[in-house]
Amino acid sequence: MQKNLQRTSLIHIFVISGSHLILLDELLSILRIPLFVRILFLGFYSLIVGWQPPAVRALLALITRHSLKHFRMHLPPDLGVLAAGLITLSLFPTWWDSLSLLMSWCAALALCWGSLLRVKPPLPRLLLSQVGIFVFMSAPLWGLGSLHPLSLIYNLLLAPVVSYILLPLAFLVTLVPSGVFVFDTVMDFFRQTLTFLSEPIVLHKTRPPSVAALWWWIVFWQVVMHFLRLHLWQGRDSR
């Protein structure tokens, strides 16, 4: 199953990532849970999953965004990602060697494209985000996962459905163990679907780039997004 998840590039659904915290924060906000309680819950969640870099980076990003909002300050999404990443590295300098932190940073930058290009309709925004993730994650996934074009379609069609069904169902079963058969049924269906979808994709083992080299990939995209925001949109706004 792990190999099939790598082939389809859906492995991010099952590893600890910043998207889990974002999803949990959205679910808790829908339930009208106060912000302070949400932050405590997400901090506890980050702790029990091993205090892994992607979860901590996402937690610090949420705290930073809400803190700035409280003081009526605003950072563009790409600079928000940069601020959260730098805060994380300043608190945990040994994570400079963490590939998972770098991947989480890349994914967060990719999700900024919708805001940067000011795309508002949900479907084009979702498509743009998935294309961005495919492009931004190409370097970190080189030699580790699938860069097959089909993985873009799989992430576009399957990842949101699985994330909004499988993860909440897992939490529900944790609270109500008697419903585990429902979770098992969904997982069996997902496993069979995954086996079918992964058949056309073959993983090619190549030597992945070093983490030190990949940090230049982050710097490149941060500069590109900063340049586009300043020189493209500020010029149009002034006109």
C-alpha atoms as a PDB file:
ATOM      1  CA  MET A   1       0.000   0.000   0.000  1.00  0.00           C
ATOM      2  CA  GLN A   2       2.884   2.354   0.777  1.00  0.00           C
ATOM      3  CA  LYS A   3       4.357   1.762  -2.682  1.00  0.00           C
ATOM      4  CA  ASN A   4       0.981   2.414  -4.316  1.00  0.00           C
ATOM      5  CA  LEU A   5       0.649   5.642  -2.328  1.00  0.00           C
ATOM      6  CA  GLN A   6       4.076   6.697  -3.590  1.00  0.00           C
ATOM      7  CA  ARG A   7       3.169   5.830  -7.177  1.00  0.00           C
ATOM      8  CA  THR A   8       0.007   7.908  -7.093  1.00  0.00           C
ATOM      9  CA  SER A   9       1.624  10.714  -5.009  1.00  0.00           C
ATOM     10  CA  LEU A  10      -1.138  10.347  -2.419  1.00  0.00           C
ATOM     11  CA  ILE A  11       1.351   9.470   0.310  1.00  0.00           C
ATOM     12  CA  HIS A  12       0.861  12.941   1.811  1.00  0.00           C
ATOM     13  CA  ILE A  13      -2.596  11.880   3.020  1.00  0.00           C
ATOM     14  CA  PHE A  14      -1.085   9.319   5.388  1.00  0.00           C
ATOM     15  CA  VAL A  15       2.038  11.101   6.619  1.00  0.00           C
ATOM     16  CA  ILE A  16       1.964  13.877   9.183  1.00  0.00           C
ATOM     17  CA  SER A  17       1.682  17.142   7.276  1.00  0.00           C
ATOM     18  CA  GLY A  18       0.622  20.726   7.730  1.00  0.00           C
ATOM     19  CA  SER A  19      -2.574  20.056   5.797  1.00  0.00           C
ATOM     20  CA  HIS A  20      -3.834  17.936   8.699  1.00  0.00           C
ATOM     21  CA  LEU A  21      -3.656  20.912  11.045  1.00  0.00           C
ATOM     22  CA  ILE A  22      -5.314  23.198   8.505  1.00  0.00           C
ATOM     23  CA  LEU A  23      -8.134  20.690   8.039  1.00  0.00           C
ATOM     24  CA  LEU A  24      -8.583  20.246  11.801  1.00  0.00           C
ATOM     25  CA  ASP A  25      -8.614  24.011  12.321  1.00  0.00           C
ATOM     26  CA  GLU A  26     -11.325  24.359   9.656  1.00  0.00           C
ATOM     27  CA  LEU A  27     -13.433  21.617  11.242  1.00  0.00           C
ATOM     28  CA  LEU A  28     -13.076  23.118  14.715  1.00  0.00           C
ATOM     29  CA  SER A  29     -13.930  26.602  13.449  1.00  0.00           C
ATOM     30  CA  ILE A  30     -17.087  25.213  11.805  1.00  0.00           C
ATOM     31  CA  LEU A  31     -18.042  23.880  15.256  1.00  0.00           C
ATOM     32  CA  ARG A  32     -17.464  27.419  16.615  1.00  0.00           C
ATOM     33  CA  ILE A  33     -14.683  26.295  18.936  1.00  0.00           C
ATOM     34  CA  PRO A  34     -12.900  29.401  20.340  1.00  0.00           C
ATOM     35  CA  LEU A  35      -9.532  30.231  18.785  1.00  0.00           C
ATOM     36  CA  PHE A  36      -7.586  29.750  22.024  1.00  0.00           C
ATOM     37  CA  VAL A  37      -9.034  26.254  22.489  1.00  0.00           C
ATOM     38  CA  ARG A  38      -8.313  25.402  18.838  1.00  0.00           C
ATOM     39  CA  ILE A  39      -4.672  26.412  19.210  1.00  0.00           C
ATOM     40  CA  LEU A  40      -4.342  24.311  22.379  1.00  0.00           C
ATOM     41  CA  PHE A  41      -5.933  21.317  20.649  1.00  0.00           C
ATOM     42  CA  LEU A  42      -3.688  21.654  17.580  1.00  0.00           C
ATOM     43  CA  GLY A  43      -0.637  22.035  19.833  1.00  0.00           C
ATOM     44  CA  PHE A  44      -1.615  18.843  21.670  1.00  0.00           C
ATOM     45  CA  TYR A  45      -2.171  17.083  18.330  1.00  0.00           C
ATOM     46  CA  SER A  46       1.283  18.169  17.137  1.00  0.00           C
ATOM     47  CA  LEU A  47       2.771  16.830  20.357  1.00  0.00           C
ATOM     48  CA  ILE A  48       1.136  13.396  20.245  1.00  0.00           C
ATOM     49  CA  VAL A  49       2.134  12.837  16.603  1.00  0.00           C
ATOM     50  CA  GLY A  50       5.782  13.271  17.547  1.00  0.00           C
ATOM     51  CA  TRP A  51       6.302  17.050  17.258  1.00  0.00           C
ATOM     52  CA  GLN A  52       7.290  16.548  13.633  1.00  0.00           C
ATOM     53  CA  PRO A  53       8.561  19.545  11.606  1.00  0.00           C
ATOM     54  CA  PRO A  54       5.607  19.787   9.147  1.00  0.00           C
ATOM     55  CA  ALA A  55       3.056  19.854  11.964  1.00  0.00           C
ATOM     56  CA  VAL A  56       5.053  22.371  14.007  1.00  0.00           C
ATOM     57  CA  ARG A  57       5.587  24.632  10.985  1.00  0.00           C
ATOM     58  CA  ALA A  58       1.846  24.619  10.240  1.00  0.00           C
ATOM     59  CA  LEU A  59       1.031  25.271  13.908  1.00  0.00           C
ATOM     60  CA  LEU A  60       3.392  28.261  14.017  1.00  0.00           C
ATOM     61  CA  ALA A  61       1.923  29.498  10.710  1.00  0.00           C
ATOM     62  CA  LEU A  62      -1.590  29.435  12.190  1.00  0.00           C
ATOM     63  CA  ILE A  63      -0.438  31.208  15.363  1.00  0.00           C
ATOM     64  CA  THR A  64       1.419  33.844  13.330  1.00  0.00           C
ATOM     65  CA  ARG A  65      -1.551  34.485  11.033  1.00  0.00           C
ATOM     66  CA  HIS A  66      -4.056  34.787  13.879  1.00  0.00           C
ATOM     67  CA  SER A  67      -1.679  37.002  15.885  1.00  0.00           C
ATOM     68  CA  LEU A  68      -1.223  39.392  12.978  1.00  0.00           C
ATOM     69  CA  LYS A  69      -4.972  39.421  12.384  1.00  0.00           C
ATOM     70  CA  HIS A  70      -5.555  40.291  16.046  1.00  0.00           C
ATOM     71  CA  PHE A  71      -3.283  43.334  15.715  1.00  0.00           C
ATOM     72  CA  ARG A  72      -4.901  44.224  12.375  1.00  0.00           C
ATOM     73  CA  MET A  73      -1.723  43.535  10.451  1.00  0.00           C
ATOM     74  CA  HIS A  74      -1.541  41.703   7.146  1.00  0.00           C
ATOM     75  CA  LEU A  75       1.133  39.693   5.389  1.00  0.00           C
ATOM     76  CA  PRO A  76       0.756  38.386   1.826  1.00  0.00           C
ATOM     77  CA  PRO A  77       0.423  34.576   1.822  1.00  0.00           C
ATOM     78  CA  ASP A  78       3.928  33.961   0.462  1.00  0.00           C
ATOM     79  CA  LEU A  79       5.497  36.196   3.112  1.00  0.00           C
ATOM     80  CA  GLY A  80       3.374  34.459   5.739  1.00  0.00           C
ATOM     81  CA  VAL A  81       4.875  31.138   4.665  1.00  0.00           C
ATOM     82  CA  LEU A  82       8.343  32.680   4.803  1.00  0.00           C
ATOM     83  CA  ALA A  83       7.756  34.108   8.284  1.00  0.00           C
ATOM     84  CA  ALA A  84       6.441  30.794   9.643  1.00  0.00           C
ATOM     85  CA  GLY A  85       9.368  28.910   8.128  1.00  0.00           C
ATOM     86  CA  LEU A  86      11.963  31.289   9.558  1.00  0.00           C
ATOM     87  CA  ILE A  87      10.330  31.211  13.002  1.00  0.00           C
ATOM     88  CA  THR A  88      10.366  27.405  12.897  1.00  0.00           C
ATOM     89  CA  LEU A  89      14.042  27.283  11.946  1.00  0.00           C
ATOM     90  CA  SER A  90      14.991  29.870  14.561  1.00  0.00           C
ATOM     91  CA  LEU A  91      13.302  27.796  17.278  1.00  0.00           C
ATOM     92  CA  PHE A  92      14.578  24.451  15.987  1.00  0.00           C
ATOM     93  CA  PRO A  93      17.839  25.094  14.068  1.00  0.00           C
ATOM     94  CA  THR A  94      18.619  21.378  13.726  1.00  0.00           C
ATOM     95  CA  TRP A  95      15.662  21.118  11.329  1.00  0.00           C
ATOM     96  CA  TRP A  96      17.795  22.675   8.586  1.00  0.00           C
ATOM     97  CA  ASP A  97      18.484  19.031   7.685  1.00  0.00           C
ATOM     98  CA  SER A  98      14.796  18.037   7.717  1.00  0.00           C
ATOM     99  CA  LEU A  99      13.457  17.018   4.308  1.00  0.00           C
ATOM    100  CA  SER A 100       9.918  16.857   5.718  1.00  0.00           C
ATOM    101  CA  LEU A 101      10.099  20.509   6.798  1.00  0.00           C
ATOM    102  CA  LEU A 102      11.324  21.496   3.356  1.00  0.00           C
ATOM    103  CA  MET A 103       8.508  19.549   1.669  1.00  0.00           C
ATOM    104  CA  SER A 104       5.944  21.169   3.965  1.00  0.00           C
ATOM    105  CA  TRP A 105       7.354  24.609   3.119  1.00  0.00           C
ATOM    106  CA  CYS A 106       7.150  23.828  -0.620  1.00  0.00           C
ATOM    107  CA  ALA A 107       3.551  22.648  -0.362  1.00  0.00           C
ATOM    108  CA  ALA A 108       2.551  25.750   1.606  1.00  0.00           C
ATOM    109  CA  LEU A 109       4.117  27.984  -1.058  1.00  0.00           C
ATOM    110  CA  ALA A 110       2.292  26.095  -3.792  1.00  0.00           C
ATOM    111  CA  LEU A 111      -1.037  26.805  -2.117  1.00  0.00           C
ATOM    112  CA  CYS A 112      -0.302  30.552  -2.296  1.00  0.00           C
ATOM    113  CA  TRP A 113      -0.656  30.693  -6.089  1.00  0.00           C
ATOM    114  CA  GLY A 114      -4.433  31.105  -5.980  1.00  0.00           C
ATOM    115  CA  SER A 115      -4.144  34.210  -3.810  1.00  0.00           C
ATOM    116  CA  LEU A 116      -1.159  35.555  -5.714  1.00  0.00           C
ATOM    117  CA  LEU A 117      -2.953  35.359  -9.064  1.00  0.00           C
ATOM    118  CA  ARG A 118      -6.234  36.468  -7.458  1.00  0.00           C
ATOM    119  CA  VAL A 119      -8.232  33.482  -8.630  1.00  0.00           C
ATOM    120  CA  LYS A 120     -11.543  33.419  -6.738  1.00  0.00           C
ATOM    121  CA  PRO A 121     -13.761  30.678  -8.284  1.00  0.00           C
ATOM    122  CA  PRO A 122     -13.291  27.476  -6.202  1.00  0.00           C
ATOM    123  CA  LEU A 123     -12.709  25.022  -9.069  1.00  0.00           C
ATOM    124  CA  PRO A 124     -10.009  27.038 -10.932  1.00  0.00           C
ATOM    125  CA  ARG A 125      -8.408  27.845  -7.575  1.00  0.00           C
ATOM    126  CA  LEU A 126      -8.296  24.136  -6.671  1.00  0.00           C
ATOM    127  CA  LEU A 127      -6.876  23.223 -10.065  1.00  0.00           C
ATOM    128  CA  LEU A 128      -4.236  25.951  -9.796  1.00  0.00           C
ATOM    129  CA  SER A 129      -3.262  24.743  -6.313  1.00  0.00           C
ATOM    130  CA  GLN A 130      -2.811  21.164  -7.494  1.00  0.00           C
ATOM    131  CA  VAL A 131      -0.751  22.256 -10.500  1.00  0.00           C
ATOM    132  CA  GLY A 132       1.333  24.382  -8.152  1.00  0.00           C
ATOM    133  CA  ILE A 133       1.914  21.451  -5.801  1.00  0.00           C
ATOM    134  CA  PHE A 134       2.941  19.252  -8.741  1.00  0.00           C
ATOM    135  CA  VAL A 135       5.500  21.844  -9.902  1.00  0.00           C
ATOM    136  CA  PHE A 136       6.782  22.942  -6.493  1.00  0.00           C
ATOM    137  CA  MET A 137       7.151  19.379  -5.191  1.00  0.00           C
ATOM    138  CA  SER A 138       8.952  18.112  -8.295  1.00  0.00           C
ATOM    139  CA  ALA A 139      12.410  18.823  -6.852  1.00  0.00           C
ATOM    140  CA  PRO A 140      11.852  17.446  -3.313  1.00  0.00           C
ATOM    141  CA  LEU A 141      10.140  14.331  -4.710  1.00  0.00           C
ATOM    142  CA  TRP A 142      12.831  13.665  -7.312  1.00  0.00           C
ATOM    143  CA  GLY A 143      13.924  10.079  -6.770  1.00  0.00           C
ATOM    144  CA  LEU A 144      11.497   9.573  -3.874  1.00  0.00           C
ATOM    145  CA  GLY A 145       8.011   9.664  -5.377  1.00  0.00           C
ATOM    146  CA  SER A 146       6.076   9.774  -8.607  1.00  0.00           C
ATOM    147  CA  LEU A 147       6.246  12.727 -10.982  1.00  0.00           C
ATOM    148  CA  HIS A 148       3.847  11.065 -13.429  1.00  0.00           C
ATOM    149  CA  PRO A 149       1.189  13.415 -14.899  1.00  0.00           C
ATOM    150  CA  LEU A 150      -1.510  11.006 -13.680  1.00  0.00           C
ATOM    151  CA  SER A 151      -0.566  11.884 -10.099  1.00  0.00           C
ATOM    152  CA  LEU A 152      -1.850  15.398 -10.763  1.00  0.00           C
ATOM    153  CA  ILE A 153      -5.271  14.011 -11.689  1.00  0.00           C
ATOM    154  CA  TYR A 154      -5.290  11.635  -8.722  1.00  0.00           C
ATOM    155  CA  ASN A 155      -4.521  14.457  -6.294  1.00  0.00           C
ATOM    156  CA  LEU A 156      -7.137  16.680  -7.879  1.00  0.00           C
ATOM    157  CA  LEU A 157      -9.908  14.079  -7.743  1.00  0.00           C
ATOM    158  CA  LEU A 158      -9.048  11.832  -4.794  1.00  0.00           C
ATOM    159  CA  ALA A 159      -7.025  13.797  -2.265  1.00  0.00           C
ATOM    160  CA  PRO A 160      -9.781  16.235  -1.182  1.00  0.00           C
ATOM    161  CA  VAL A 161     -12.374  13.447  -0.925  1.00  0.00           C
ATOM    162  CA  VAL A 162     -10.105  11.175   1.094  1.00  0.00           C
ATOM    163  CA  SER A 163      -8.909  14.012   3.321  1.00  0.00           C
ATOM    164  CA  TYR A 164     -12.434  15.152   4.188  1.00  0.00           C
ATOM    165  CA  ILE A 165     -13.784  11.627   4.698  1.00  0.00           C
ATOM    166  CA  LEU A 166     -10.949   9.391   5.876  1.00  0.00           C
ATOM    167  CA  LEU A 167      -9.300  11.695   8.431  1.00  0.00           C
ATOM    168  CA  PRO A 168     -12.528  12.783  10.201  1.00  0.00           C
ATOM    169  CA  LEU A 169     -13.690   9.160  10.171  1.00  0.00           C
ATOM    170  CA  ALA A 170     -10.433   8.093  11.816  1.00  0.00           C
ATOM    171  CA  PHE A 171     -10.970  10.638  14.614  1.00  0.00           C
ATOM    172  CA  LEU A 172     -14.577   9.508  15.009  1.00  0.00           C
ATOM    173  CA  VAL A 173     -13.582   5.849  15.334  1.00  0.00           C
ATOM    174  CA  THR A 174     -10.989   6.820  17.941  1.00  0.00           C
ATOM    175  CA  LEU A 175     -13.817   8.283  20.040  1.00  0.00           C
ATOM    176  CA  VAL A 176     -16.383   5.581  19.127  1.00  0.00           C
ATOM    177  CA  PRO A 177     -14.456   2.277  18.646  1.00  0.00           C
ATOM    178  CA  SER A 178     -17.651   0.363  17.849  1.00  0.00           C
ATOM    179  CA  GLY A 179     -17.722   2.065  14.432  1.00  0.00           C
ATOM    180  CA  VAL A 180     -14.360   0.642  13.369  1.00  0.00           C
ATOM    181  CA  PHE A 181     -16.050  -1.607  10.789  1.00  0.00           C
ATOM    182  CA  VAL A 182     -17.102   1.512   8.871  1.00  0.00           C
ATOM    183  CA  PHE A 183     -13.507   2.733   8.804  1.00  0.00           C
ATOM    184  CA  ASP A 184     -12.293  -0.716   7.698  1.00  0.00           C
ATOM    185  CA  THR A 185     -14.837  -0.792   4.862  1.00  0.00           C
ATOM    186  CA  VAL A 186     -13.772   2.623   3.598  1.00  0.00           C
ATOM    187  CA  MET A 187     -10.096   1.687   3.876  1.00  0.00           C
ATOM    188  CA  ASP A 188     -10.609  -1.572   1.954  1.00  0.00           C
ATOM    189  CA  PHE A 189     -12.359   0.292  -0.840  1.00  0.00           C
ATOM    190  CA  PHE A 190      -9.608   2.881  -0.925  1.00  0.00           C
ATOM    191  CA  ARG A 191      -6.911   0.195  -0.970  1.00  0.00           C
ATOM    192  CA  GLN A 192      -8.530  -1.589  -3.919  1.00  0.00           C
ATOM    193  CA  THR A 193      -8.998   1.675  -5.817  1.00  0.00           C
ATOM    194  CA  LEU A 194      -5.403   2.614  -5.131  1.00  0.00           C
ATOM    195  CA  THR A 195      -4.120  -0.713  -6.467  1.00  0.00           C
ATOM    196  CA  PHE A 196      -6.065  -0.205  -9.707  1.00  0.00           C
ATOM    197  CA  LEU A 197      -4.953   3.399 -10.183  1.00  0.00           C
ATOM    198  CA  SER A 198      -1.272   2.757  -9.471  1.00  0.00           C
ATOM    199  CA  GLU A 199      -0.877   0.050 -12.132  1.00  0.00           C
ATOM    200  CA  PRO A 200       0.068   2.410 -15.033  1.00  0.00           C
ATOM    201  CA  ILE A 201       2.747   4.170 -12.965  1.00  0.00           C
ATOM    202  CA  VAL A 202       6.283   2.850 -12.503  1.00  0.00           C
ATOM    203  CA  LEU A 203       8.631   4.347  -9.933  1.00  0.00           C
ATOM    204  CA  HIS A 204      12.092   5.126 -11.271  1.00  0.00           C
ATOM    205  CA  LYS A 205      14.764   5.090  -8.595  1.00  0.00           C
ATOM    206  CA  THR A 206      17.211   7.952  -9.011  1.00  0.00           C
ATOM    207  CA  ARG A 207      19.451   9.691  -6.541  1.00  0.00           C
ATOM    208  CA  PRO A 208      17.501  12.491  -4.832  1.00  0.00           C
ATOM    209  CA  PRO A 209      19.086  15.932  -4.397  1.00  0.00           C
ATOM    210  CA  SER A 210      20.533  16.865  -1.018  1.00  0.00           C
ATOM    211  CA  VAL A 211      18.514  18.888   1.476  1.00  0.00           C
ATOM    212  CA  ALA A 212      21.128  21.663   1.305  1.00  0.00           C
ATOM    213  CA  ALA A 213      20.623  21.956  -2.462  1.00  0.00           C
ATOM    214  CA  LEU A 214      16.845  21.916  -2.080  1.00  0.00           C
ATOM    215  CA  TRP A 215      16.896  24.984   0.161  1.00  0.00           C
ATOM    216  CA  TRP A 216      17.945  26.947  -2.941  1.00  0.00           C
ATOM    217  CA  TRP A 217      14.732  25.652  -4.536  1.00  0.00           C
ATOM    218  CA  ILE A 218      12.788  27.310  -1.687  1.00  0.00           C
ATOM    219  CA  VAL A 219      14.754  30.543  -2.056  1.00  0.00           C
ATOM    220  CA  PHE A 220      14.103  30.567  -5.812  1.00  0.00           C
ATOM    221  CA  TRP A 221      10.317  30.275  -5.465  1.00  0.00           C
ATOM    222  CA  GLN A 222      10.128  32.764  -2.597  1.00  0.00           C
ATOM    223  CA  VAL A 223      11.943  35.320  -4.759  1.00  0.00           C
ATOM    224  CA  VAL A 224       9.790  34.535  -7.816  1.00  0.00           C
ATOM    225  CA  MET A 225       6.539  34.949  -5.876  1.00  0.00           C
ATOM    226  CA  HIS A 226       7.775  38.129  -4.212  1.00  0.00           C
ATOM    227  CA  PHE A 227       8.783  39.566  -7.594  1.00  0.00           C
ATOM    228  CA  LEU A 228       5.439  38.717  -9.208  1.00  0.00           C
ATOM    229  CA  ARG A 229       3.438  40.193  -6.348  1.00  0.00           C
ATOM    230  CA  LEU A 230       5.425  43.437  -6.259  1.00  0.00           C
ATOM    231  CA  HIS A 231       5.945  44.092  -9.947  1.00  0.00           C
ATOM    232  CA  LEU A 232       2.872  42.520 -11.519  1.00  0.00           C
ATOM    233  CA  TRP A 233       0.001  43.407  -9.205  1.00  0.00           C
ATOM    234  CA  GLN A 234       1.282  46.623  -7.680  1.00  0.00           C
ATOM    235  CA  GLY A 235       1.701  48.045 -11.182  1.00  0.00           C
ATOM    236  CA  ARG A 236      -1.849  47.099 -12.123  1.00  0.00           C
ATOM    237  CA  ASP A 237      -3.274  48.420  -8.870  1.00  0.00           C
ATOM    238  CA  SER A 238      -1.542  51.783  -9.323  1.00  0.00           C
ATOM    239  CA  ARG A 239      -3.023  52.089 -12.822  1.00  0.00           C
END
